[in-house]
Amino acid sequence: MKFVLLNFQNMSEQQLLYVPNKDSWSISQCLQHLNSYGEYYLPLLEQEKNRSSKSLPNTIYKSSWIGNYFVNKMDPKRSPKKLKSMQKHIPSQGITAPQIISNHLSQQEALLLYIRIFQTLNLSKRSIPTSLTPLIKLTSMDTLRFLVAHTSRHILQASRVYGS
């Protein structure tokens, strides 16, 4: 979040919309892509938060194999290859760059709040359907881990546009 504030928030709209080549996204498109995931997952995380009970302070979370698979696939250090985005998460036209940044920062604040809150909840038995298909479900903690890895991946991608 701090990176976005320091590096992208004060850029001109022209800089935020600049597409380096036909196979790349602009900074704005990278953030809008992340926002589309936030629009899907944040309401589901809110539902899980409201349904979950307090857990014991020493509860240790164990990731599922499917959770690890999705997190590792998104982690830019473990999987640096370019991945194809699902059609519903490809950035659309018509939203202004400042609005995209504002939405992204709001979503990141919400994500940070869920990370803090979920450390005190018993979430191991709940599951959230992935945006890929409702047949594949991740635990809330795996969903959080996925969102953090996915955000890292696309913030790195956005930073390469201008070498931020």
N, C-alpha and C. Protein backbone atom coordinates (compact mmCIF):
# COMPACT_ATOMS: atom_id res chain seq x y z
N MET A 1 0.83 -1.18 0.00
CA MET A 1 0.00 0.00 0.00
C MET A 1 0.88 1.25 0.00
N LYS A 2 1.91 1.22 0.82
CA LYS A 2 2.81 2.36 0.89
C LYS A 2 3.48 2.60 -0.45
N PHE A 3 3.83 1.52 -1.16
CA PHE A 3 4.47 1.63 -2.46
C PHE A 3 3.56 2.37 -3.43
N VAL A 4 2.28 2.00 -3.44
CA VAL A 4 1.31 2.66 -4.33
C VAL A 4 1.21 4.13 -3.99
N LEU A 5 1.13 4.43 -2.71
CA LEU A 5 1.04 5.83 -2.28
C LEU A 5 2.26 6.62 -2.72
N LEU A 6 3.43 6.06 -2.47
CA LEU A 6 4.67 6.78 -2.77
C LEU A 6 4.97 6.88 -4.26
N ASN A 7 4.62 5.87 -5.02
CA ASN A 7 5.06 5.81 -6.41
C ASN A 7 3.99 6.12 -7.45
N PHE A 8 2.76 5.76 -7.20
CA PHE A 8 1.74 5.88 -8.23
C PHE A 8 0.75 7.02 -8.00
N GLN A 9 0.47 7.32 -6.75
CA GLN A 9 -0.61 8.25 -6.45
C GLN A 9 -0.42 9.64 -7.07
N ASN A 10 0.79 10.11 -7.19
CA ASN A 10 1.03 11.45 -7.71
C ASN A 10 1.46 11.48 -9.17
N MET A 11 1.36 10.34 -9.84
CA MET A 11 1.67 10.31 -11.27
C MET A 11 0.52 10.96 -12.05
N SER A 12 0.85 11.46 -13.22
CA SER A 12 -0.18 12.02 -14.09
C SER A 12 -1.04 10.89 -14.65
N GLU A 13 -2.22 11.26 -15.11
CA GLU A 13 -3.10 10.26 -15.71
C GLU A 13 -2.43 9.65 -16.95
N GLN A 14 -1.70 10.46 -17.68
CA GLN A 14 -0.99 9.99 -18.86
C GLN A 14 0.02 8.91 -18.47
N GLN A 15 0.76 9.12 -17.39
CA GLN A 15 1.72 8.13 -16.93
C GLN A 15 1.02 6.86 -16.46
N LEU A 16 -0.08 7.00 -15.76
CA LEU A 16 -0.79 5.84 -15.23
C LEU A 16 -1.45 5.00 -16.33
N LEU A 17 -1.78 5.64 -17.43
CA LEU A 17 -2.44 4.95 -18.54
C LEU A 17 -1.48 4.48 -19.63
N TYR A 18 -0.20 4.82 -19.50
CA TYR A 18 0.80 4.47 -20.50
C TYR A 18 0.97 2.94 -20.57
N VAL A 19 0.84 2.40 -21.78
CA VAL A 19 1.03 0.97 -22.02
C VAL A 19 2.34 0.81 -22.79
N PRO A 20 3.35 0.18 -22.18
CA PRO A 20 4.68 0.07 -22.81
C PRO A 20 4.70 -0.68 -24.13
N ASN A 21 3.87 -1.71 -24.27
CA ASN A 21 3.78 -2.45 -25.54
C ASN A 21 2.46 -3.21 -25.57
N LYS A 22 2.15 -3.80 -26.71
CA LYS A 22 0.83 -4.43 -26.89
C LYS A 22 0.60 -5.64 -25.98
N ASP A 23 1.65 -6.21 -25.44
CA ASP A 23 1.52 -7.37 -24.56
C ASP A 23 1.58 -7.01 -23.08
N SER A 24 1.55 -5.71 -22.79
CA SER A 24 1.68 -5.25 -21.41
C SER A 24 0.43 -4.49 -20.97
N TRP A 25 0.37 -4.27 -19.67
CA TRP A 25 -0.68 -3.44 -19.08
C TRP A 25 -0.06 -2.16 -18.56
N SER A 26 -0.87 -1.14 -18.47
CA SER A 26 -0.46 0.10 -17.83
C SER A 26 -0.50 -0.10 -16.31
N ILE A 27 0.03 0.87 -15.59
CA ILE A 27 -0.06 0.84 -14.12
C ILE A 27 -1.52 0.79 -13.71
N SER A 28 -2.31 1.61 -14.35
CA SER A 28 -3.73 1.68 -14.05
C SER A 28 -4.43 0.34 -14.30
N GLN A 29 -4.09 -0.32 -15.38
CA GLN A 29 -4.68 -1.62 -15.67
C GLN A 29 -4.28 -2.68 -14.64
N CYS A 30 -3.03 -2.64 -14.20
CA CYS A 30 -2.58 -3.59 -13.16
C CYS A 30 -3.41 -3.41 -11.89
N LEU A 31 -3.61 -2.15 -11.49
CA LEU A 31 -4.37 -1.88 -10.27
C LEU A 31 -5.85 -2.22 -10.46
N GLN A 32 -6.38 -1.93 -11.64
CA GLN A 32 -7.78 -2.26 -11.89
C GLN A 32 -7.99 -3.78 -11.86
N HIS A 33 -7.03 -4.52 -12.37
CA HIS A 33 -7.08 -5.99 -12.31
C HIS A 33 -7.14 -6.45 -10.85
N LEU A 34 -6.29 -5.87 -10.03
CA LEU A 34 -6.31 -6.22 -8.60
C LEU A 34 -7.64 -5.82 -7.97
N ASN A 35 -8.17 -4.68 -8.36
CA ASN A 35 -9.45 -4.22 -7.83
C ASN A 35 -10.58 -5.20 -8.16
N SER A 36 -10.52 -5.80 -9.34
CA SER A 36 -11.58 -6.76 -9.71
C SER A 36 -11.55 -7.97 -8.79
N TYR A 37 -10.37 -8.39 -8.38
CA TYR A 37 -10.26 -9.49 -7.41
C TYR A 37 -10.78 -9.05 -6.05
N GLY A 38 -10.45 -7.83 -5.65
CA GLY A 38 -10.95 -7.31 -4.39
C GLY A 38 -12.46 -7.23 -4.36
N GLU A 39 -13.06 -6.82 -5.48
CA GLU A 39 -14.52 -6.75 -5.56
C GLU A 39 -15.16 -8.12 -5.37
N TYR A 40 -14.46 -9.15 -5.80
CA TYR A 40 -14.98 -10.52 -5.62
C TYR A 40 -14.72 -11.04 -4.21
N TYR A 41 -13.46 -10.96 -3.76
CA TYR A 41 -13.07 -11.64 -2.52
C TYR A 41 -13.39 -10.87 -1.23
N LEU A 42 -13.31 -9.55 -1.24
CA LEU A 42 -13.51 -8.81 0.02
C LEU A 42 -14.90 -9.02 0.62
N PRO A 43 -15.98 -9.01 -0.16
CA PRO A 43 -17.28 -9.30 0.45
C PRO A 43 -17.37 -10.73 1.02
N LEU A 44 -16.71 -11.68 0.37
CA LEU A 44 -16.70 -13.06 0.88
C LEU A 44 -15.91 -13.15 2.19
N LEU A 45 -14.81 -12.41 2.28
CA LEU A 45 -14.04 -12.37 3.52
C LEU A 45 -14.85 -11.72 4.64
N GLU A 46 -15.61 -10.71 4.31
CA GLU A 46 -16.48 -10.07 5.30
C GLU A 46 -17.52 -11.06 5.83
N GLN A 47 -18.11 -11.84 4.95
CA GLN A 47 -19.07 -12.86 5.37
C GLN A 47 -18.42 -13.88 6.29
N GLU A 48 -17.22 -14.31 5.96
CA GLU A 48 -16.51 -15.27 6.79
C GLU A 48 -16.19 -14.68 8.16
N LYS A 49 -15.79 -13.43 8.18
CA LYS A 49 -15.49 -12.76 9.44
C LYS A 49 -16.73 -12.76 10.34
N ASN A 50 -17.88 -12.46 9.76
CA ASN A 50 -19.11 -12.38 10.53
C ASN A 50 -19.60 -13.74 11.01
N ARG A 51 -19.24 -14.81 10.31
CA ARG A 51 -19.68 -16.16 10.68
C ARG A 51 -18.74 -16.90 11.62
N SER A 52 -17.51 -16.44 11.71
CA SER A 52 -16.48 -17.20 12.43
C SER A 52 -16.47 -16.86 13.91
N SER A 53 -16.02 -17.84 14.69
CA SER A 53 -15.93 -17.65 16.13
C SER A 53 -14.47 -17.40 16.53
N LYS A 54 -14.31 -16.87 17.72
CA LYS A 54 -12.96 -16.64 18.25
C LYS A 54 -12.26 -17.98 18.42
N SER A 55 -10.98 -18.00 18.18
CA SER A 55 -10.21 -19.23 18.36
C SER A 55 -9.26 -19.04 19.53
N LEU A 56 -8.63 -20.11 19.90
CA LEU A 56 -7.63 -20.04 20.96
C LEU A 56 -6.43 -19.26 20.45
N PRO A 57 -5.78 -18.47 21.30
CA PRO A 57 -4.64 -17.67 20.85
C PRO A 57 -3.50 -18.48 20.26
N ASN A 58 -3.34 -19.74 20.65
CA ASN A 58 -2.22 -20.53 20.15
C ASN A 58 -2.60 -21.42 18.98
N THR A 59 -3.75 -21.16 18.34
CA THR A 59 -4.16 -21.94 17.18
C THR A 59 -3.16 -21.74 16.05
N ILE A 60 -2.68 -22.84 15.50
CA ILE A 60 -1.72 -22.77 14.40
C ILE A 60 -2.47 -23.11 13.12
N TYR A 61 -2.31 -22.28 12.15
CA TYR A 61 -2.98 -22.46 10.87
C TYR A 61 -2.14 -23.35 9.95
N LYS A 62 -2.80 -24.31 9.30
CA LYS A 62 -2.14 -25.16 8.32
C LYS A 62 -2.79 -24.92 6.97
N SER A 63 -1.98 -24.59 5.99
CA SER A 63 -2.50 -24.36 4.66
C SER A 63 -2.84 -25.68 3.99
N SER A 64 -3.82 -25.63 3.10
CA SER A 64 -4.18 -26.82 2.33
C SER A 64 -3.26 -26.93 1.11
N TRP A 65 -3.21 -28.09 0.51
CA TRP A 65 -2.36 -28.26 -0.67
C TRP A 65 -2.87 -27.38 -1.81
N ILE A 66 -4.19 -27.23 -1.94
CA ILE A 66 -4.73 -26.40 -3.02
C ILE A 66 -4.44 -24.93 -2.74
N GLY A 67 -4.48 -24.54 -1.47
CA GLY A 67 -4.13 -23.18 -1.10
C GLY A 67 -2.69 -22.87 -1.44
N ASN A 68 -1.81 -23.80 -1.08
CA ASN A 68 -0.38 -23.63 -1.42
C ASN A 68 -0.16 -23.56 -2.92
N TYR A 69 -0.91 -24.37 -3.67
CA TYR A 69 -0.78 -24.36 -5.13
C TYR A 69 -1.11 -22.97 -5.68
N PHE A 70 -2.25 -22.41 -5.28
CA PHE A 70 -2.67 -21.10 -5.80
C PHE A 70 -1.72 -19.99 -5.34
N VAL A 71 -1.29 -20.04 -4.11
CA VAL A 71 -0.37 -19.02 -3.60
C VAL A 71 0.96 -19.10 -4.35
N ASN A 72 1.49 -20.29 -4.50
CA ASN A 72 2.77 -20.46 -5.20
C ASN A 72 2.66 -20.04 -6.67
N LYS A 73 1.52 -20.30 -7.29
CA LYS A 73 1.30 -19.91 -8.69
C LYS A 73 1.32 -18.39 -8.84
N MET A 74 0.84 -17.66 -7.83
CA MET A 74 0.79 -16.20 -7.88
C MET A 74 2.05 -15.53 -7.37
N ASP A 75 2.79 -16.22 -6.53
CA ASP A 75 3.99 -15.62 -5.93
C ASP A 75 5.00 -15.30 -7.03
N PRO A 76 5.37 -14.02 -7.21
CA PRO A 76 6.28 -13.67 -8.30
C PRO A 76 7.68 -14.27 -8.16
N LYS A 77 8.07 -14.63 -6.95
CA LYS A 77 9.40 -15.24 -6.76
C LYS A 77 9.38 -16.72 -7.13
N ARG A 78 8.27 -17.39 -6.85
CA ARG A 78 8.18 -18.83 -7.12
C ARG A 78 7.72 -19.12 -8.55
N SER A 79 6.94 -18.20 -9.11
CA SER A 79 6.40 -18.41 -10.45
C SER A 79 6.49 -17.11 -11.24
N PRO A 80 7.68 -16.79 -11.73
CA PRO A 80 7.88 -15.50 -12.41
C PRO A 80 7.27 -15.43 -13.82
N LYS A 81 6.84 -16.57 -14.37
CA LYS A 81 6.28 -16.57 -15.72
C LYS A 81 4.99 -15.74 -15.78
N LYS A 82 4.77 -15.17 -16.93
CA LYS A 82 3.54 -14.42 -17.17
C LYS A 82 2.37 -15.41 -17.22
N LEU A 83 1.26 -15.05 -16.57
CA LEU A 83 0.07 -15.89 -16.55
C LEU A 83 -1.05 -15.21 -17.30
N LYS A 84 -1.91 -15.97 -17.90
CA LYS A 84 -3.06 -15.42 -18.61
C LYS A 84 -4.18 -15.13 -17.61
N SER A 85 -4.77 -13.95 -17.74
CA SER A 85 -5.86 -13.55 -16.84
C SER A 85 -7.19 -14.07 -17.35
N MET A 86 -8.07 -14.35 -16.40
CA MET A 86 -9.43 -14.72 -16.76
C MET A 86 -10.11 -13.50 -17.37
N GLN A 87 -10.98 -13.73 -18.32
CA GLN A 87 -11.67 -12.66 -19.03
C GLN A 87 -12.35 -11.68 -18.08
N LYS A 88 -12.99 -12.19 -17.04
CA LYS A 88 -13.73 -11.31 -16.13
C LYS A 88 -12.81 -10.43 -15.27
N HIS A 89 -11.52 -10.70 -15.27
CA HIS A 89 -10.58 -9.90 -14.51
C HIS A 89 -9.65 -9.06 -15.40
N ILE A 90 -9.91 -9.04 -16.69
CA ILE A 90 -9.13 -8.19 -17.58
C ILE A 90 -9.65 -6.77 -17.42
N PRO A 91 -8.76 -5.81 -17.24
CA PRO A 91 -9.18 -4.42 -17.00
C PRO A 91 -10.06 -3.87 -18.11
N SER A 92 -11.06 -3.11 -17.70
CA SER A 92 -11.97 -2.50 -18.67
C SER A 92 -11.60 -1.04 -18.88
N GLN A 93 -12.25 -0.41 -19.81
CA GLN A 93 -12.02 0.99 -20.12
C GLN A 93 -13.06 1.84 -19.40
N GLY A 94 -12.79 3.14 -19.29
CA GLY A 94 -13.80 4.06 -18.80
C GLY A 94 -13.67 4.49 -17.35
N ILE A 95 -12.82 3.85 -16.58
CA ILE A 95 -12.63 4.26 -15.19
C ILE A 95 -11.38 5.13 -15.15
N THR A 96 -11.45 6.24 -14.47
CA THR A 96 -10.30 7.14 -14.43
C THR A 96 -9.20 6.58 -13.54
N ALA A 97 -7.98 6.90 -13.89
CA ALA A 97 -6.82 6.41 -13.14
C ALA A 97 -6.87 6.81 -11.67
N PRO A 98 -7.20 8.06 -11.31
CA PRO A 98 -7.26 8.41 -9.89
C PRO A 98 -8.31 7.58 -9.13
N GLN A 99 -9.44 7.29 -9.79
CA GLN A 99 -10.48 6.47 -9.15
C GLN A 99 -9.97 5.04 -8.92
N ILE A 100 -9.22 4.52 -9.88
CA ILE A 100 -8.67 3.17 -9.75
C ILE A 100 -7.71 3.12 -8.56
N ILE A 101 -6.84 4.11 -8.45
CA ILE A 101 -5.89 4.15 -7.33
C ILE A 101 -6.63 4.28 -6.00
N SER A 102 -7.62 5.15 -5.95
CA SER A 102 -8.41 5.33 -4.72
C SER A 102 -9.09 4.02 -4.32
N ASN A 103 -9.70 3.33 -5.28
CA ASN A 103 -10.34 2.04 -4.99
C ASN A 103 -9.31 1.02 -4.51
N HIS A 104 -8.16 1.01 -5.16
CA HIS A 104 -7.12 0.04 -4.78
C HIS A 104 -6.66 0.28 -3.34
N LEU A 105 -6.42 1.54 -2.99
CA LEU A 105 -5.97 1.84 -1.63
C LEU A 105 -7.02 1.47 -0.60
N SER A 106 -8.29 1.71 -0.89
CA SER A 106 -9.37 1.33 0.02
C SER A 106 -9.41 -0.19 0.20
N GLN A 107 -9.25 -0.90 -0.90
CA GLN A 107 -9.26 -2.36 -0.82
C GLN A 107 -8.07 -2.89 -0.04
N GLN A 108 -6.91 -2.27 -0.20
CA GLN A 108 -5.74 -2.71 0.54
C GLN A 108 -5.90 -2.47 2.03
N GLU A 109 -6.53 -1.37 2.40
CA GLU A 109 -6.81 -1.12 3.82
C GLU A 109 -7.74 -2.19 4.37
N ALA A 110 -8.76 -2.55 3.61
CA ALA A 110 -9.68 -3.62 4.03
C ALA A 110 -8.94 -4.94 4.16
N LEU A 111 -8.08 -5.25 3.21
CA LEU A 111 -7.31 -6.49 3.27
C LEU A 111 -6.43 -6.54 4.51
N LEU A 112 -5.76 -5.45 4.82
CA LEU A 112 -4.93 -5.40 6.03
C LEU A 112 -5.77 -5.60 7.29
N LEU A 113 -6.95 -5.04 7.30
CA LEU A 113 -7.85 -5.21 8.44
C LEU A 113 -8.24 -6.68 8.59
N TYR A 114 -8.58 -7.34 7.49
CA TYR A 114 -8.94 -8.76 7.55
C TYR A 114 -7.76 -9.60 8.03
N ILE A 115 -6.58 -9.28 7.58
CA ILE A 115 -5.40 -10.03 8.03
C ILE A 115 -5.27 -9.93 9.54
N ARG A 116 -5.45 -8.74 10.09
CA ARG A 116 -5.37 -8.57 11.55
C ARG A 116 -6.49 -9.30 12.27
N ILE A 117 -7.71 -9.13 11.79
CA ILE A 117 -8.87 -9.73 12.46
C ILE A 117 -8.82 -11.25 12.38
N PHE A 118 -8.46 -11.78 11.22
CA PHE A 118 -8.52 -13.23 11.02
C PHE A 118 -7.48 -13.98 11.84
N GLN A 119 -6.50 -13.28 12.38
CA GLN A 119 -5.54 -13.94 13.26
C GLN A 119 -6.18 -14.39 14.56
N THR A 120 -7.34 -13.85 14.90
CA THR A 120 -8.01 -14.19 16.16
C THR A 120 -9.24 -15.06 15.95
N LEU A 121 -9.51 -15.49 14.73
CA LEU A 121 -10.71 -16.26 14.43
C LEU A 121 -10.36 -17.69 14.04
N ASN A 122 -11.30 -18.59 14.29
CA ASN A 122 -11.14 -19.98 13.88
C ASN A 122 -11.68 -20.10 12.45
N LEU A 123 -10.78 -20.16 11.48
CA LEU A 123 -11.17 -20.13 10.08
C LEU A 123 -10.82 -21.40 9.31
N SER A 124 -10.30 -22.38 9.98
CA SER A 124 -9.79 -23.55 9.27
C SER A 124 -10.89 -24.37 8.60
N LYS A 125 -12.13 -24.29 9.07
CA LYS A 125 -13.18 -25.13 8.50
C LYS A 125 -14.01 -24.40 7.46
N ARG A 126 -13.89 -23.13 7.37
CA ARG A 126 -14.67 -22.36 6.40
C ARG A 126 -13.94 -22.36 5.07
N SER A 127 -14.68 -22.12 4.00
CA SER A 127 -14.01 -22.02 2.70
C SER A 127 -14.69 -21.00 1.81
N ILE A 128 -13.89 -20.41 0.95
CA ILE A 128 -14.33 -19.36 0.04
C ILE A 128 -14.14 -19.87 -1.38
N PRO A 129 -15.19 -19.81 -2.20
CA PRO A 129 -15.03 -20.24 -3.59
C PRO A 129 -14.10 -19.31 -4.35
N THR A 130 -13.25 -19.88 -5.18
CA THR A 130 -12.33 -19.05 -5.96
C THR A 130 -13.10 -18.36 -7.08
N SER A 131 -12.53 -17.29 -7.60
CA SER A 131 -13.17 -16.60 -8.73
C SER A 131 -13.02 -17.43 -10.01
N LEU A 132 -12.13 -18.40 -9.98
CA LEU A 132 -11.93 -19.29 -11.12
C LEU A 132 -13.17 -20.16 -11.34
N THR A 133 -13.62 -20.78 -10.25
CA THR A 133 -14.81 -21.62 -10.28
C THR A 133 -15.29 -21.82 -8.84
N PRO A 134 -16.60 -21.84 -8.61
CA PRO A 134 -17.10 -22.09 -7.25
C PRO A 134 -16.83 -23.51 -6.76
N LEU A 135 -16.41 -24.38 -7.66
CA LEU A 135 -16.10 -25.75 -7.27
C LEU A 135 -14.79 -25.85 -6.50
N ILE A 136 -13.88 -24.90 -6.72
CA ILE A 136 -12.61 -24.87 -6.00
C ILE A 136 -12.74 -23.86 -4.87
N LYS A 137 -12.50 -24.32 -3.65
CA LYS A 137 -12.64 -23.45 -2.49
C LYS A 137 -11.34 -23.42 -1.70
N LEU A 138 -11.04 -22.25 -1.15
CA LEU A 138 -9.87 -22.06 -0.30
C LEU A 138 -10.34 -21.66 1.09
N THR A 139 -9.54 -21.98 2.09
CA THR A 139 -9.86 -21.47 3.42
C THR A 139 -9.67 -19.96 3.40
N SER A 140 -10.20 -19.29 4.38
CA SER A 140 -10.06 -17.83 4.45
C SER A 140 -8.59 -17.41 4.51
N MET A 141 -7.80 -18.14 5.27
CA MET A 141 -6.37 -17.79 5.38
C MET A 141 -5.65 -18.02 4.06
N ASP A 142 -5.98 -19.10 3.35
CA ASP A 142 -5.38 -19.32 2.04
C ASP A 142 -5.82 -18.23 1.06
N THR A 143 -7.06 -17.79 1.18
CA THR A 143 -7.55 -16.70 0.34
C THR A 143 -6.75 -15.43 0.61
N LEU A 144 -6.51 -15.12 1.87
CA LEU A 144 -5.71 -13.95 2.22
C LEU A 144 -4.29 -14.08 1.66
N ARG A 145 -3.70 -15.25 1.82
CA ARG A 145 -2.35 -15.48 1.31
C ARG A 145 -2.31 -15.31 -0.21
N PHE A 146 -3.33 -15.83 -0.89
CA PHE A 146 -3.43 -15.70 -2.34
C PHE A 146 -3.51 -14.22 -2.73
N LEU A 147 -4.36 -13.46 -2.05
CA LEU A 147 -4.53 -12.04 -2.39
C LEU A 147 -3.23 -11.25 -2.17
N VAL A 148 -2.50 -11.57 -1.12
CA VAL A 148 -1.23 -10.89 -0.87
C VAL A 148 -0.22 -11.23 -1.98
N ALA A 149 -0.11 -12.50 -2.35
CA ALA A 149 0.82 -12.91 -3.41
C ALA A 149 0.42 -12.29 -4.75
N HIS A 150 -0.87 -12.29 -5.03
CA HIS A 150 -1.38 -11.74 -6.28
C HIS A 150 -1.11 -10.24 -6.35
N THR A 151 -1.32 -9.54 -5.25
CA THR A 151 -1.04 -8.11 -5.20
C THR A 151 0.45 -7.86 -5.44
N SER A 152 1.30 -8.62 -4.80
CA SER A 152 2.75 -8.47 -4.99
C SER A 152 3.13 -8.64 -6.45
N ARG A 153 2.55 -9.64 -7.08
CA ARG A 153 2.84 -9.93 -8.48
C ARG A 153 2.52 -8.72 -9.37
N HIS A 154 1.35 -8.13 -9.17
CA HIS A 154 0.93 -7.05 -10.07
C HIS A 154 1.48 -5.69 -9.69
N ILE A 155 1.86 -5.49 -8.45
CA ILE A 155 2.55 -4.25 -8.08
C ILE A 155 3.95 -4.28 -8.71
N LEU A 156 4.58 -5.44 -8.72
CA LEU A 156 5.88 -5.57 -9.41
C LEU A 156 5.72 -5.31 -10.90
N GLN A 157 4.67 -5.85 -11.49
CA GLN A 157 4.40 -5.64 -12.90
C GLN A 157 4.20 -4.15 -13.19
N ALA A 158 3.40 -3.49 -12.36
CA ALA A 158 3.14 -2.05 -12.54
C ALA A 158 4.42 -1.24 -12.36
N SER A 159 5.25 -1.64 -11.43
CA SER A 159 6.47 -0.88 -11.17
C SER A 159 7.45 -0.96 -12.33
N ARG A 160 7.35 -2.00 -13.14
CA ARG A 160 8.24 -2.14 -14.29
C ARG A 160 7.87 -1.20 -15.44
N VAL A 161 6.65 -0.66 -15.44
CA VAL A 161 6.22 0.22 -16.51
C VAL A 161 7.12 1.45 -16.60
N TYR A 162 7.43 2.04 -15.47
CA TYR A 162 8.31 3.21 -15.44
C TYR A 162 9.57 2.96 -14.63
N GLY A 163 9.81 1.71 -14.25
CA GLY A 163 10.97 1.43 -13.44
C GLY A 163 10.88 2.06 -12.07
N SER A 164 9.63 2.11 -11.54
CA SER A 164 9.39 2.75 -10.22
C SER A 164 10.14 2.07 -9.11
